[in-house]
Amino acid sequence: MNQNTTNENQHKEKINNRKILIITSVEAEKEAILRGLKPTNSIDVVVSGVGIAAAATATARVLATKTYDLVINAGIAGGFVGQAEVGSIVIANEIVAADFGTETPEGFASIDELGFGSSRMKADENLVEVVSKTFRNAGQTVTTGPIITVSTVTGTAETTEEMLRRVPSVKAEAMEGFGVATAAGQFGIPILEIRTISNAVGPRDRDAWRIKEALQTLQEASTILQEVLT
């Protein structure tokens, strides 16, 4: 056996032995993911509750008791029009706490600008590339880019424009990613955030929401994730 073959086998063994924690905000997301997974001991799915604090606390609590190689925040989300359409999948290359900062007479200033920390967490670039390519090969519509974490869901055109100003390349909006990423970062574990888009970010139009369809896409994505990551 040559060195290249040995390295390839070691790489495959590492992938096959990967232990993954998936954090969702609500039970319906967890159930969709579990429907997509084959029986496995490699993936645990945990409901954190809604919001950044609940997500960070739940993730840290689990990571303090078990060892994982990867943490994924997965669920449904709002997509920004022209960036991530309803029915598509967004994989974050960056997770941004978009309202973590202060208001000033000149406008919003992020915690980064204030010099008190960072509102941005990078996802694992290699994993983002591998997973997005696999989703596309499976026929899914996939976008990669920043996903913002907010404490108040955007519901007006004015706030939508403000979020686009703060993070010009933003693709989607949710409420837990930065909390999950912060906890994972404390344990030195790579993070992914994967969202299926149920509605457009902006003025609330419940008749246009496609939650059932987004959960179905989440189920399908879970099957693909298991095949590529475990």
Foldseek 3Di string as FASTA:
>chain_A
DDPVVVVVVVVVVCLVQFAEEEEEADPLLVVLLVLQDDDDPRYDYYHQHFFAVSQLVVLLVVVVPDPGQEYEYEEAFAWAPPQADAQAKEKEQKEFAQQAADADPVGTDHCVNVVNDGRMDGADVVVSVQLQVLCVVVPGHYGYYYEYAYPDAAAAPVVSVVSCVSPVNYTTYGGHQSSNRVSCVVVPHGYMYMHHYQHHRHHDDPVSGRRVSRSNVSSNSSNSCVVRRD
